[in-house]
Amino acid sequence: MYAIHVFFLFAFGLFIGFISSIPVGAVQLEVIKKAINGHLKPAISVALGSVTSDFIYGVLVLFGIGKFLHYHNVQIFTYSLGIFVIIALLYRSYREHKHMPPHIKTHIQYKKRTSFLTGFTIAITNPGMIVWWVIGYKLLLDLKLFDTMNAPLKATFLIACCIGLVGYLSLIALMMNKLQESISDSLLDKMNIIIMILLMFVIIYFSFKLYGLLTNTTIEILYNF
């Protein structure tokens, strides 16, 4: 019976990791952008960088050592850094789209190490990931599979979630990379423009979060004005 519960624990972790990666964010957009432009390995490196950051957040939350992440000044710093990182990402995308002829764009090289760092930096500056870990762990506790969630069980859940996270992002990278072989250059350019617009929305969202922290209001309150 215990082995069956561990199996369900692992399966539930995979599920939580998978669905937590579905909402479109800066990491997903960077993976898609690299993949549809024919850079599969850098796209997967972005995913690996992101899941490394998510792993760190998961350790802090599940093992009860991440309380400092809720501190007001820490959140202001992370959201400010996040805005800076995504603006830099948007600016680079704009230069690649606007200032390079099509025949050069196809030969742009992205280093896997740099792509890993990009994914890690984007994800680490998004403290909202803490919410997913808290929700996922709370749902796991509600299942009451075990009387006590000891360290090995928490580690199993953590690893399963991370596999689900990187699995979804890698699947998106593979699908988009396959898709780019059958779309025209003009459509590819339009998709890159859409990605840049979505990045702008991510910046706006982070800016609202930062404004709320600086003025001690919430996004829900802001929407009511």
N, C-alpha and C. Protein backbone atom coordinates (compact mmCIF):
# COMPACT_ATOMS: atom_id res chain seq x y z
N MET A 1 0.83 -1.21 0.00
CA MET A 1 0.00 0.00 0.00
C MET A 1 0.87 1.27 0.00
N TYR A 2 1.96 1.21 0.79
CA TYR A 2 2.85 2.37 0.87
C TYR A 2 3.44 2.68 -0.50
N ALA A 3 3.85 1.63 -1.24
CA ALA A 3 4.44 1.82 -2.57
C ALA A 3 3.43 2.46 -3.52
N ILE A 4 2.18 2.06 -3.41
CA ILE A 4 1.13 2.63 -4.27
C ILE A 4 0.95 4.11 -3.96
N HIS A 5 0.99 4.46 -2.68
CA HIS A 5 0.86 5.86 -2.29
C HIS A 5 2.03 6.70 -2.79
N VAL A 6 3.22 6.11 -2.75
CA VAL A 6 4.40 6.82 -3.29
C VAL A 6 4.24 7.04 -4.79
N PHE A 7 3.71 6.02 -5.47
CA PHE A 7 3.46 6.15 -6.91
C PHE A 7 2.48 7.29 -7.19
N PHE A 8 1.39 7.34 -6.42
CA PHE A 8 0.42 8.42 -6.60
C PHE A 8 1.03 9.78 -6.26
N LEU A 9 1.90 9.80 -5.26
CA LEU A 9 2.61 11.02 -4.89
C LEU A 9 3.44 11.52 -6.07
N PHE A 10 4.18 10.61 -6.70
CA PHE A 10 5.02 10.98 -7.83
C PHE A 10 4.17 11.43 -9.02
N ALA A 11 3.10 10.69 -9.29
CA ALA A 11 2.21 11.04 -10.41
C ALA A 11 1.55 12.39 -10.18
N PHE A 12 1.14 12.66 -8.94
CA PHE A 12 0.52 13.94 -8.62
C PHE A 12 1.53 15.08 -8.78
N GLY A 13 2.78 14.83 -8.39
CA GLY A 13 3.84 15.82 -8.57
C GLY A 13 4.06 16.14 -10.04
N LEU A 14 4.08 15.12 -10.88
CA LEU A 14 4.21 15.33 -12.33
C LEU A 14 3.08 16.20 -12.85
N PHE A 15 1.87 15.90 -12.39
CA PHE A 15 0.68 16.65 -12.83
C PHE A 15 0.78 18.12 -12.41
N ILE A 16 1.13 18.37 -11.15
CA ILE A 16 1.23 19.73 -10.66
C ILE A 16 2.32 20.50 -11.41
N GLY A 17 3.47 19.86 -11.63
CA GLY A 17 4.55 20.51 -12.37
C GLY A 17 4.15 20.83 -13.80
N PHE A 18 3.42 19.91 -14.42
CA PHE A 18 3.00 20.10 -15.81
C PHE A 18 2.03 21.27 -15.94
N ILE A 19 0.99 21.29 -15.10
CA ILE A 19 -0.03 22.34 -15.25
C ILE A 19 0.49 23.70 -14.79
N SER A 20 1.47 23.71 -13.88
CA SER A 20 2.00 25.00 -13.42
C SER A 20 2.84 25.67 -14.50
N SER A 21 3.26 24.91 -15.51
CA SER A 21 4.04 25.48 -16.62
C SER A 21 3.16 25.96 -17.76
N ILE A 22 1.87 25.66 -17.71
CA ILE A 22 0.99 26.00 -18.83
C ILE A 22 0.74 27.50 -18.97
N PRO A 23 0.49 28.25 -17.87
CA PRO A 23 0.27 29.69 -18.05
C PRO A 23 1.45 30.35 -18.78
N VAL A 24 1.13 31.19 -19.75
CA VAL A 24 2.18 31.81 -20.56
C VAL A 24 2.91 32.87 -19.75
N GLY A 25 4.21 32.70 -19.64
CA GLY A 25 5.07 33.66 -18.95
C GLY A 25 6.31 33.92 -19.77
N ALA A 26 7.24 34.66 -19.20
CA ALA A 26 8.45 35.04 -19.93
C ALA A 26 9.28 33.81 -20.31
N VAL A 27 9.34 32.82 -19.42
CA VAL A 27 10.12 31.61 -19.73
C VAL A 27 9.52 30.87 -20.92
N GLN A 28 8.21 30.66 -20.88
CA GLN A 28 7.53 29.97 -21.99
C GLN A 28 7.74 30.71 -23.30
N LEU A 29 7.65 32.04 -23.25
CA LEU A 29 7.82 32.83 -24.47
C LEU A 29 9.25 32.72 -25.01
N GLU A 30 10.23 32.68 -24.12
CA GLU A 30 11.62 32.55 -24.56
C GLU A 30 11.87 31.17 -25.17
N VAL A 31 11.27 30.14 -24.56
CA VAL A 31 11.39 28.79 -25.12
C VAL A 31 10.77 28.73 -26.51
N ILE A 32 9.57 29.28 -26.64
CA ILE A 32 8.87 29.27 -27.93
C ILE A 32 9.65 30.05 -28.97
N LYS A 33 10.15 31.22 -28.59
CA LYS A 33 10.88 32.07 -29.54
C LYS A 33 12.10 31.35 -30.10
N LYS A 34 12.88 30.74 -29.22
CA LYS A 34 14.08 30.04 -29.68
C LYS A 34 13.72 28.82 -30.53
N ALA A 35 12.67 28.10 -30.11
CA ALA A 35 12.29 26.88 -30.82
C ALA A 35 11.75 27.16 -32.21
N ILE A 36 10.89 28.18 -32.35
CA ILE A 36 10.31 28.45 -33.67
C ILE A 36 11.33 29.07 -34.62
N ASN A 37 12.43 29.57 -34.06
CA ASN A 37 13.50 30.09 -34.90
C ASN A 37 14.58 29.05 -35.18
N GLY A 38 14.28 27.78 -34.82
CA GLY A 38 15.17 26.68 -35.18
C GLY A 38 16.26 26.39 -34.20
N HIS A 39 16.17 26.89 -32.97
CA HIS A 39 17.23 26.68 -31.98
C HIS A 39 16.69 25.81 -30.85
N LEU A 40 16.61 24.50 -31.12
CA LEU A 40 15.98 23.57 -30.19
C LEU A 40 16.80 23.40 -28.91
N LYS A 41 18.11 23.17 -29.04
CA LYS A 41 18.93 22.94 -27.84
C LYS A 41 18.96 24.16 -26.92
N PRO A 42 19.13 25.39 -27.46
CA PRO A 42 19.04 26.56 -26.57
C PRO A 42 17.67 26.69 -25.91
N ALA A 43 16.60 26.33 -26.64
CA ALA A 43 15.25 26.39 -26.06
C ALA A 43 15.14 25.44 -24.87
N ILE A 44 15.67 24.23 -25.02
CA ILE A 44 15.64 23.27 -23.91
C ILE A 44 16.54 23.73 -22.78
N SER A 45 17.65 24.42 -23.11
CA SER A 45 18.52 24.96 -22.08
C SER A 45 17.81 26.02 -21.25
N VAL A 46 16.97 26.82 -21.90
CA VAL A 46 16.14 27.80 -21.18
C VAL A 46 15.23 27.07 -20.20
N ALA A 47 14.61 25.98 -20.67
CA ALA A 47 13.72 25.17 -19.82
C ALA A 47 14.49 24.60 -18.62
N LEU A 48 15.69 24.12 -18.84
CA LEU A 48 16.50 23.56 -17.76
C LEU A 48 16.91 24.64 -16.76
N GLY A 49 17.22 25.83 -17.28
CA GLY A 49 17.56 26.94 -16.38
C GLY A 49 16.37 27.32 -15.52
N SER A 50 15.20 27.34 -16.14
CA SER A 50 13.99 27.69 -15.42
C SER A 50 13.68 26.67 -14.32
N VAL A 51 13.78 25.39 -14.65
CA VAL A 51 13.43 24.36 -13.67
C VAL A 51 14.45 24.33 -12.54
N THR A 52 15.68 24.75 -12.79
CA THR A 52 16.68 24.84 -11.72
C THR A 52 16.25 25.90 -10.70
N SER A 53 15.79 27.03 -11.22
CA SER A 53 15.27 28.09 -10.35
C SER A 53 14.03 27.61 -9.58
N ASP A 54 13.12 26.93 -10.29
CA ASP A 54 11.91 26.42 -9.65
C ASP A 54 12.26 25.40 -8.56
N PHE A 55 13.30 24.61 -8.81
CA PHE A 55 13.75 23.64 -7.82
C PHE A 55 14.19 24.34 -6.53
N ILE A 56 14.92 25.43 -6.69
CA ILE A 56 15.39 26.19 -5.53
C ILE A 56 14.20 26.73 -4.75
N TYR A 57 13.21 27.31 -5.46
CA TYR A 57 12.02 27.80 -4.78
C TYR A 57 11.28 26.66 -4.08
N GLY A 58 11.23 25.51 -4.74
CA GLY A 58 10.55 24.36 -4.14
C GLY A 58 11.21 23.90 -2.86
N VAL A 59 12.53 23.85 -2.85
CA VAL A 59 13.27 23.47 -1.63
C VAL A 59 12.96 24.45 -0.51
N LEU A 60 12.98 25.74 -0.83
CA LEU A 60 12.73 26.77 0.19
C LEU A 60 11.32 26.65 0.77
N VAL A 61 10.35 26.38 -0.10
CA VAL A 61 8.95 26.30 0.37
C VAL A 61 8.67 24.99 1.11
N LEU A 62 9.03 23.86 0.51
CA LEU A 62 8.66 22.56 1.08
C LEU A 62 9.40 22.25 2.37
N PHE A 63 10.60 22.79 2.51
CA PHE A 63 11.38 22.50 3.71
C PHE A 63 11.37 23.66 4.70
N GLY A 64 10.46 24.61 4.47
CA GLY A 64 10.20 25.65 5.46
C GLY A 64 11.31 26.63 5.71
N ILE A 65 12.15 26.89 4.71
CA ILE A 65 13.25 27.83 4.91
C ILE A 65 13.15 29.02 3.95
N GLY A 66 11.94 29.22 3.42
CA GLY A 66 11.78 30.29 2.44
C GLY A 66 10.94 31.46 2.93
N LYS A 67 10.82 31.62 4.26
CA LYS A 67 9.97 32.68 4.79
C LYS A 67 10.47 34.07 4.38
N PHE A 68 11.80 34.18 4.20
CA PHE A 68 12.35 35.49 3.83
C PHE A 68 11.85 35.95 2.47
N LEU A 69 11.39 35.00 1.63
CA LEU A 69 10.90 35.36 0.30
C LEU A 69 9.63 36.21 0.37
N HIS A 70 8.95 36.15 1.52
CA HIS A 70 7.72 36.93 1.68
C HIS A 70 7.99 38.33 2.22
N TYR A 71 9.24 38.60 2.56
CA TYR A 71 9.56 39.92 3.07
C TYR A 71 9.30 40.98 2.01
N HIS A 72 8.77 42.10 2.45
CA HIS A 72 8.37 43.18 1.55
C HIS A 72 9.51 43.64 0.66
N ASN A 73 10.65 43.92 1.25
CA ASN A 73 11.79 44.45 0.48
C ASN A 73 12.36 43.41 -0.48
N VAL A 74 12.32 42.15 -0.08
CA VAL A 74 12.81 41.08 -0.96
C VAL A 74 11.94 40.98 -2.21
N GLN A 75 10.63 41.07 -2.03
CA GLN A 75 9.72 40.99 -3.18
C GLN A 75 9.88 42.21 -4.09
N ILE A 76 10.09 43.39 -3.50
CA ILE A 76 10.33 44.59 -4.31
C ILE A 76 11.58 44.40 -5.16
N PHE A 77 12.62 43.84 -4.56
CA PHE A 77 13.88 43.62 -5.29
C PHE A 77 13.69 42.62 -6.43
N THR A 78 13.01 41.50 -6.14
CA THR A 78 12.88 40.46 -7.16
C THR A 78 12.01 40.93 -8.33
N TYR A 79 10.91 41.63 -8.03
CA TYR A 79 10.06 42.12 -9.11
C TYR A 79 10.77 43.20 -9.93
N SER A 80 11.55 44.06 -9.26
CA SER A 80 12.32 45.09 -9.98
C SER A 80 13.34 44.44 -10.90
N LEU A 81 14.03 43.44 -10.38
CA LEU A 81 15.02 42.73 -11.19
C LEU A 81 14.33 42.00 -12.34
N GLY A 82 13.15 41.43 -12.06
CA GLY A 82 12.40 40.73 -13.10
C GLY A 82 12.02 41.66 -14.25
N ILE A 83 11.58 42.87 -13.91
CA ILE A 83 11.22 43.85 -14.95
C ILE A 83 12.44 44.19 -15.79
N PHE A 84 13.58 44.38 -15.13
CA PHE A 84 14.82 44.71 -15.84
C PHE A 84 15.22 43.58 -16.80
N VAL A 85 15.15 42.34 -16.31
CA VAL A 85 15.54 41.18 -17.12
C VAL A 85 14.65 41.04 -18.35
N ILE A 86 13.34 41.18 -18.15
CA ILE A 86 12.41 40.98 -19.27
C ILE A 86 12.51 42.14 -20.28
N ILE A 87 12.76 43.36 -19.78
CA ILE A 87 12.97 44.49 -20.71
C ILE A 87 14.21 44.22 -21.56
N ALA A 88 15.27 43.71 -20.94
CA ALA A 88 16.49 43.38 -21.70
C ALA A 88 16.20 42.30 -22.73
N LEU A 89 15.38 41.34 -22.34
CA LEU A 89 15.00 40.26 -23.25
C LEU A 89 14.17 40.80 -24.41
N LEU A 90 13.25 41.71 -24.10
CA LEU A 90 12.42 42.32 -25.13
C LEU A 90 13.25 43.16 -26.09
N TYR A 91 14.20 43.91 -25.55
CA TYR A 91 15.07 44.75 -26.39
C TYR A 91 15.90 43.89 -27.33
N ARG A 92 16.42 42.78 -26.82
CA ARG A 92 17.22 41.89 -27.68
C ARG A 92 16.35 41.29 -28.78
N SER A 93 15.12 40.91 -28.42
CA SER A 93 14.21 40.35 -29.42
C SER A 93 13.88 41.38 -30.49
N TYR A 94 13.70 42.63 -30.06
CA TYR A 94 13.40 43.71 -31.00
C TYR A 94 14.56 43.93 -31.97
N ARG A 95 15.78 43.94 -31.45
CA ARG A 95 16.95 44.14 -32.32
C ARG A 95 17.09 43.00 -33.32
N GLU A 96 16.87 41.78 -32.85
CA GLU A 96 16.96 40.63 -33.75
C GLU A 96 15.88 40.69 -34.83
N HIS A 97 14.70 41.18 -34.45
CA HIS A 97 13.59 41.21 -35.41
C HIS A 97 13.71 42.38 -36.39
N LYS A 98 14.12 43.54 -35.89
CA LYS A 98 14.05 44.77 -36.69
C LYS A 98 15.34 45.10 -37.41
N HIS A 99 16.46 44.74 -36.83
CA HIS A 99 17.73 45.23 -37.35
C HIS A 99 18.58 44.16 -38.02
N MET A 100 18.00 42.99 -38.24
CA MET A 100 18.74 41.94 -38.92
C MET A 100 17.94 41.42 -40.11
N PRO A 101 18.57 41.34 -41.29
CA PRO A 101 17.87 40.79 -42.45
C PRO A 101 17.55 39.32 -42.24
N PRO A 102 16.50 38.82 -42.92
CA PRO A 102 16.05 37.43 -42.72
C PRO A 102 17.16 36.38 -42.88
N HIS A 103 18.05 36.57 -43.85
CA HIS A 103 19.06 35.53 -44.08
C HIS A 103 20.09 35.47 -42.94
N ILE A 104 20.22 36.57 -42.18
CA ILE A 104 21.12 36.57 -41.03
C ILE A 104 20.43 35.98 -39.81
N LYS A 105 19.13 36.26 -39.66
CA LYS A 105 18.38 35.76 -38.51
C LYS A 105 18.44 34.24 -38.41
N THR A 106 18.42 33.60 -39.57
CA THR A 106 18.41 32.13 -39.56
C THR A 106 19.74 31.56 -39.08
N HIS A 107 20.78 32.42 -39.04
CA HIS A 107 22.10 31.94 -38.63
C HIS A 107 22.51 32.47 -37.25
N ILE A 108 21.56 33.08 -36.53
CA ILE A 108 21.85 33.53 -35.18
C ILE A 108 22.17 32.33 -34.31
N GLN A 109 23.24 32.43 -33.54
CA GLN A 109 23.64 31.33 -32.68
C GLN A 109 23.38 31.69 -31.22
N TYR A 110 22.70 30.80 -30.49
CA TYR A 110 22.48 30.98 -29.06
C TYR A 110 23.27 29.92 -28.32
N LYS A 111 24.11 30.35 -27.40
CA LYS A 111 24.89 29.40 -26.61
C LYS A 111 23.99 28.74 -25.57
N LYS A 112 24.19 27.43 -25.40
CA LYS A 112 23.36 26.70 -24.45
C LYS A 112 23.57 27.21 -23.02
N ARG A 113 24.82 27.56 -22.70
CA ARG A 113 25.10 28.04 -21.35
C ARG A 113 24.42 29.38 -21.09
N THR A 114 24.46 30.26 -22.08
CA THR A 114 23.79 31.56 -21.94
C THR A 114 22.28 31.38 -21.86
N SER A 115 21.74 30.47 -22.66
CA SER A 115 20.30 30.20 -22.64
C SER A 115 19.87 29.65 -21.30
N PHE A 116 20.70 28.77 -20.72
CA PHE A 116 20.41 28.24 -19.38
C PHE A 116 20.34 29.37 -18.37
N LEU A 117 21.30 30.28 -18.43
CA LEU A 117 21.34 31.41 -17.51
C LEU A 117 20.13 32.32 -17.73
N THR A 118 19.71 32.48 -18.98
CA THR A 118 18.51 33.29 -19.28
C THR A 118 17.28 32.69 -18.62
N GLY A 119 17.08 31.38 -18.80
CA GLY A 119 15.93 30.72 -18.19
C GLY A 119 15.97 30.79 -16.67
N PHE A 120 17.16 30.60 -16.10
CA PHE A 120 17.31 30.66 -14.65
C PHE A 120 17.00 32.05 -14.12
N THR A 121 17.53 33.08 -14.79
CA THR A 121 17.36 34.46 -14.33
C THR A 121 15.90 34.89 -14.42
N ILE A 122 15.24 34.54 -15.53
CA ILE A 122 13.82 34.92 -15.69
C ILE A 122 12.99 34.28 -14.58
N ALA A 123 13.21 33.00 -14.33
CA ALA A 123 12.39 32.28 -13.35
C ALA A 123 12.69 32.70 -11.92
N ILE A 124 13.95 32.97 -11.61
CA ILE A 124 14.32 33.31 -10.23
C ILE A 124 13.78 34.69 -9.85
N THR A 125 13.51 35.53 -10.87
CA THR A 125 12.97 36.87 -10.59
C THR A 125 11.45 36.89 -10.64
N ASN A 126 10.85 35.70 -10.59
CA ASN A 126 9.39 35.61 -10.55
C ASN A 126 8.97 34.91 -9.27
N PRO A 127 8.84 35.67 -8.17
CA PRO A 127 8.47 35.05 -6.89
C PRO A 127 7.07 34.46 -6.89
N GLY A 128 6.29 34.73 -7.94
CA GLY A 128 4.96 34.14 -8.04
C GLY A 128 5.00 32.63 -8.09
N MET A 129 6.17 32.06 -8.44
CA MET A 129 6.31 30.60 -8.47
C MET A 129 6.11 30.00 -7.09
N ILE A 130 6.36 30.80 -6.05
CA ILE A 130 6.16 30.32 -4.69
C ILE A 130 4.71 29.90 -4.50
N VAL A 131 3.80 30.65 -5.09
CA VAL A 131 2.37 30.37 -4.95
C VAL A 131 2.05 28.98 -5.47
N TRP A 132 2.63 28.62 -6.62
CA TRP A 132 2.38 27.30 -7.21
C TRP A 132 2.87 26.19 -6.28
N TRP A 133 4.04 26.40 -5.67
CA TRP A 133 4.56 25.39 -4.76
C TRP A 133 3.66 25.25 -3.53
N VAL A 134 3.21 26.37 -3.00
CA VAL A 134 2.34 26.34 -1.82
C VAL A 134 1.02 25.64 -2.15
N ILE A 135 0.42 26.00 -3.30
CA ILE A 135 -0.85 25.39 -3.70
C ILE A 135 -0.69 23.90 -3.95
N GLY A 136 0.35 23.55 -4.70
CA GLY A 136 0.59 22.14 -5.01
C GLY A 136 0.81 21.30 -3.78
N TYR A 137 1.59 21.82 -2.85
CA TYR A 137 1.87 21.07 -1.62
C TYR A 137 0.63 20.96 -0.75
N LYS A 138 -0.16 22.03 -0.71
CA LYS A 138 -1.42 22.00 0.06
C LYS A 138 -2.38 20.96 -0.51
N LEU A 139 -2.47 20.90 -1.84
CA LEU A 139 -3.33 19.90 -2.47
C LEU A 139 -2.85 18.49 -2.16
N LEU A 140 -1.53 18.31 -2.13
CA LEU A 140 -0.97 17.01 -1.80
C LEU A 140 -1.34 16.61 -0.38
N LEU A 141 -1.23 17.54 0.56
CA LEU A 141 -1.59 17.25 1.95
C LEU A 141 -3.07 16.90 2.07
N ASP A 142 -3.90 17.55 1.25
CA ASP A 142 -5.35 17.28 1.28
C ASP A 142 -5.69 15.86 0.83
N LEU A 143 -4.80 15.26 0.02
CA LEU A 143 -5.04 13.89 -0.42
C LEU A 143 -4.87 12.89 0.72
N LYS A 144 -4.09 13.29 1.76
CA LYS A 144 -3.87 12.46 2.95
C LYS A 144 -3.35 11.07 2.60
N LEU A 145 -2.36 11.05 1.72
CA LEU A 145 -1.75 9.77 1.34
C LEU A 145 -0.86 9.22 2.45
N PHE A 146 -0.30 10.12 3.25
CA PHE A 146 0.63 9.72 4.30
C PHE A 146 0.27 10.44 5.60
N ASP A 147 0.57 9.77 6.70
CA ASP A 147 0.31 10.38 8.01
C ASP A 147 1.27 11.54 8.25
N THR A 148 2.50 11.37 7.80
CA THR A 148 3.53 12.41 7.98
C THR A 148 4.31 12.57 6.68
N MET A 149 4.48 13.82 6.27
CA MET A 149 5.30 14.09 5.07
C MET A 149 6.73 14.31 5.51
N ASN A 150 7.52 13.22 5.47
CA ASN A 150 8.92 13.34 5.87
C ASN A 150 9.77 13.87 4.72
N ALA A 151 11.05 14.06 4.97
CA ALA A 151 11.95 14.65 3.99
C ALA A 151 12.03 13.85 2.68
N PRO A 152 12.16 12.50 2.73
CA PRO A 152 12.20 11.73 1.47
C PRO A 152 10.94 11.90 0.62
N LEU A 153 9.77 11.94 1.27
CA LEU A 153 8.52 12.11 0.53
C LEU A 153 8.44 13.51 -0.08
N LYS A 154 8.86 14.52 0.67
CA LYS A 154 8.89 15.88 0.13
C LYS A 154 9.84 15.96 -1.06
N ALA A 155 11.01 15.29 -0.93
CA ALA A 155 11.99 15.30 -2.02
C ALA A 155 11.43 14.61 -3.26
N THR A 156 10.68 13.53 -3.05
CA THR A 156 10.05 12.81 -4.18
C THR A 156 9.05 13.71 -4.90
N PHE A 157 8.23 14.40 -4.12
CA PHE A 157 7.26 15.33 -4.69
C PHE A 157 7.96 16.46 -5.43
N LEU A 158 9.02 16.99 -4.85
CA LEU A 158 9.79 18.08 -5.46
C LEU A 158 10.37 17.66 -6.81
N ILE A 159 10.99 16.49 -6.85
CA ILE A 159 11.60 16.00 -8.08
C ILE A 159 10.54 15.74 -9.14
N ALA A 160 9.42 15.16 -8.74
CA ALA A 160 8.33 14.88 -9.68
C ALA A 160 7.80 16.17 -10.29
N CYS A 161 7.61 17.18 -9.46
CA CYS A 161 7.13 18.48 -9.95
C CYS A 161 8.11 19.07 -10.97
N CYS A 162 9.38 18.99 -10.66
CA CYS A 162 10.40 19.55 -11.56
C CYS A 162 10.44 18.80 -12.89
N ILE A 163 10.25 17.47 -12.83
CA ILE A 163 10.20 16.69 -14.08
C ILE A 163 9.00 17.12 -14.90
N GLY A 164 7.86 17.34 -14.22
CA GLY A 164 6.67 17.83 -14.93
C GLY A 164 6.89 19.20 -15.55
N LEU A 165 7.55 20.08 -14.81
CA LEU A 165 7.84 21.43 -15.30
C LEU A 165 8.69 21.40 -16.56
N VAL A 166 9.84 20.72 -16.47
CA VAL A 166 10.75 20.70 -17.61
C VAL A 166 10.19 19.85 -18.75
N GLY A 167 9.35 18.87 -18.40
CA GLY A 167 8.73 18.04 -19.42
C GLY A 167 7.80 18.84 -20.31
N TYR A 168 6.98 19.69 -19.68
CA TYR A 168 6.05 20.53 -20.46
C TYR A 168 6.82 21.50 -21.35
N LEU A 169 7.80 22.18 -20.77
CA LEU A 169 8.57 23.17 -21.55
C LEU A 169 9.33 22.51 -22.70
N SER A 170 9.88 21.32 -22.44
CA SER A 170 10.60 20.60 -23.50
C SER A 170 9.64 20.14 -24.60
N LEU A 171 8.44 19.73 -24.21
CA LEU A 171 7.43 19.33 -25.19
C LEU A 171 7.05 20.51 -26.08
N ILE A 172 6.86 21.68 -25.47
CA ILE A 172 6.55 22.89 -26.24
C ILE A 172 7.68 23.21 -27.19
N ALA A 173 8.93 23.09 -26.70
CA ALA A 173 10.09 23.37 -27.55
C ALA A 173 10.14 22.43 -28.75
N LEU A 174 9.89 21.15 -28.52
CA LEU A 174 9.91 20.16 -29.61
C LEU A 174 8.80 20.45 -30.63
N MET A 175 7.61 20.77 -30.13
CA MET A 175 6.48 21.04 -31.03
C MET A 175 6.72 22.29 -31.86
N MET A 176 7.20 23.36 -31.22
CA MET A 176 7.45 24.61 -31.93
C MET A 176 8.60 24.49 -32.92
N ASN A 177 9.61 23.72 -32.54
CA ASN A 177 10.74 23.51 -33.45
C ASN A 177 10.31 22.73 -34.68
N LYS A 178 9.41 21.77 -34.48
CA LYS A 178 8.88 21.00 -35.62
C LYS A 178 7.99 21.88 -36.48
N LEU A 179 7.25 22.77 -35.84
CA LEU A 179 6.33 23.65 -36.55
C LEU A 179 7.07 24.63 -37.44
N GLN A 180 8.23 25.12 -36.99
CA GLN A 180 8.94 26.15 -37.75
C GLN A 180 9.41 25.67 -39.12
N GLU A 181 9.50 24.35 -39.29
CA GLU A 181 9.92 23.81 -40.58
C GLU A 181 8.84 23.96 -41.65
N SER A 182 7.59 24.19 -41.22
CA SER A 182 6.48 24.23 -42.18
C SER A 182 5.82 25.60 -42.29
N ILE A 183 6.40 26.63 -41.66
CA ILE A 183 5.80 27.96 -41.74
C ILE A 183 6.72 28.90 -42.50
N SER A 184 6.12 29.90 -43.13
CA SER A 184 6.87 30.84 -43.95
C SER A 184 7.63 31.85 -43.08
N ASP A 185 8.59 32.53 -43.70
CA ASP A 185 9.37 33.54 -42.97
C ASP A 185 8.48 34.68 -42.49
N SER A 186 7.49 35.07 -43.31
CA SER A 186 6.61 36.18 -42.93
C SER A 186 5.77 35.81 -41.70
N LEU A 187 5.27 34.57 -41.68
CA LEU A 187 4.49 34.11 -40.53
C LEU A 187 5.38 34.01 -39.30
N LEU A 188 6.62 33.58 -39.52
CA LEU A 188 7.58 33.48 -38.42
C LEU A 188 7.82 34.85 -37.81
N ASP A 189 7.96 35.86 -38.66
CA ASP A 189 8.15 37.23 -38.18
C ASP A 189 6.94 37.69 -37.37
N LYS A 190 5.74 37.36 -37.85
CA LYS A 190 4.52 37.75 -37.13
C LYS A 190 4.45 37.07 -35.77
N MET A 191 4.87 35.82 -35.70
CA MET A 191 4.87 35.11 -34.43
C MET A 191 5.87 35.73 -33.46
N ASN A 192 7.01 36.16 -33.98
CA ASN A 192 8.00 36.84 -33.14
C ASN A 192 7.44 38.15 -32.59
N ILE A 193 6.67 38.86 -33.43
CA ILE A 193 6.04 40.11 -32.98
C ILE A 193 5.04 39.83 -31.87
N ILE A 194 4.25 38.76 -32.03
CA ILE A 194 3.27 38.38 -31.00
C ILE A 194 3.98 38.06 -29.68
N ILE A 195 5.11 37.36 -29.78
CA ILE A 195 5.87 37.03 -28.58
C ILE A 195 6.37 38.30 -27.89
N MET A 196 6.83 39.28 -28.66
CA MET A 196 7.29 40.54 -28.08
C MET A 196 6.14 41.29 -27.40
N ILE A 197 4.96 41.25 -28.02
CA ILE A 197 3.79 41.90 -27.41
C ILE A 197 3.43 41.22 -26.09
N LEU A 198 3.48 39.89 -26.07
CA LEU A 198 3.18 39.16 -24.84
C LEU A 198 4.22 39.46 -23.76
N LEU A 199 5.47 39.63 -24.17
CA LEU A 199 6.51 40.02 -23.20
C LEU A 199 6.19 41.37 -22.57
N MET A 200 5.63 42.28 -23.39
CA MET A 200 5.22 43.59 -22.86
C MET A 200 4.16 43.42 -21.79
N PHE A 201 3.22 42.49 -22.01
CA PHE A 201 2.18 42.26 -21.01
C PHE A 201 2.77 41.69 -19.72
N VAL A 202 3.80 40.84 -19.86
CA VAL A 202 4.47 40.32 -18.66
C VAL A 202 5.12 41.46 -17.89
N ILE A 203 5.74 42.39 -18.61
CA ILE A 203 6.35 43.56 -17.97
C ILE A 203 5.30 44.39 -17.25
N ILE A 204 4.15 44.58 -17.90
CA ILE A 204 3.06 45.35 -17.29
C ILE A 204 2.57 44.66 -16.02
N TYR A 205 2.44 43.32 -16.09
CA TYR A 205 1.98 42.57 -14.91
C TYR A 205 2.96 42.73 -13.75
N PHE A 206 4.25 42.56 -14.04
CA PHE A 206 5.28 42.73 -13.01
C PHE A 206 5.25 44.15 -12.45
N SER A 207 5.01 45.14 -13.33
CA SER A 207 4.97 46.53 -12.90
C SER A 207 3.80 46.77 -11.95
N PHE A 208 2.64 46.16 -12.24
CA PHE A 208 1.50 46.27 -11.34
C PHE A 208 1.81 45.65 -9.98
N LYS A 209 2.47 44.49 -10.01
CA LYS A 209 2.85 43.84 -8.76
C LYS A 209 3.80 44.72 -7.96
N LEU A 210 4.78 45.32 -8.66
CA LEU A 210 5.74 46.18 -7.99
C LEU A 210 5.06 47.43 -7.44
N TYR A 211 4.15 48.01 -8.23
CA TYR A 211 3.40 49.18 -7.77
C TYR A 211 2.59 48.85 -6.51
N GLY A 212 1.98 47.69 -6.51
CA GLY A 212 1.20 47.27 -5.36
C GLY A 212 2.06 47.13 -4.11
N LEU A 213 3.28 46.61 -4.29
CA LEU A 213 4.20 46.47 -3.16
C LEU A 213 4.66 47.82 -2.64
N LEU A 214 4.93 48.73 -3.58
CA LEU A 214 5.43 50.05 -3.19
C LEU A 214 4.35 50.91 -2.53
N THR A 215 3.08 50.67 -2.89
CA THR A 215 1.99 51.50 -2.35
C THR A 215 1.11 50.74 -1.36
N ASN A 216 1.54 49.49 -1.06
CA ASN A 216 0.77 48.65 -0.12
C ASN A 216 -0.66 48.42 -0.58
N THR A 217 -0.84 48.30 -1.91
CA THR A 217 -2.14 47.93 -2.46
C THR A 217 -1.97 46.62 -3.21
N THR A 218 -3.06 46.04 -3.62
CA THR A 218 -3.01 44.78 -4.36
C THR A 218 -3.51 45.01 -5.77
N ILE A 219 -3.18 44.07 -6.65
CA ILE A 219 -3.64 44.18 -8.03
C ILE A 219 -5.16 44.17 -8.09
N GLU A 220 -5.81 43.39 -7.21
CA GLU A 220 -7.26 43.35 -7.20
C GLU A 220 -7.83 44.75 -6.90
N ILE A 221 -7.20 45.45 -5.96
CA ILE A 221 -7.65 46.80 -5.63
C ILE A 221 -7.43 47.73 -6.82
N LEU A 222 -6.29 47.56 -7.46
CA LEU A 222 -5.98 48.43 -8.61
C LEU A 222 -7.01 48.26 -9.71
N TYR A 223 -7.47 47.03 -9.90
CA TYR A 223 -8.42 46.77 -10.96
C TYR A 223 -9.79 47.41 -10.67
N ASN A 224 -10.06 47.68 -9.42
CA ASN A 224 -11.35 48.25 -9.03
C ASN A 224 -11.44 49.75 -9.29
N PHE A 225 -10.30 50.39 -9.49
CA PHE A 225 -10.31 51.84 -9.72
C PHE A 225 -10.78 52.17 -11.13
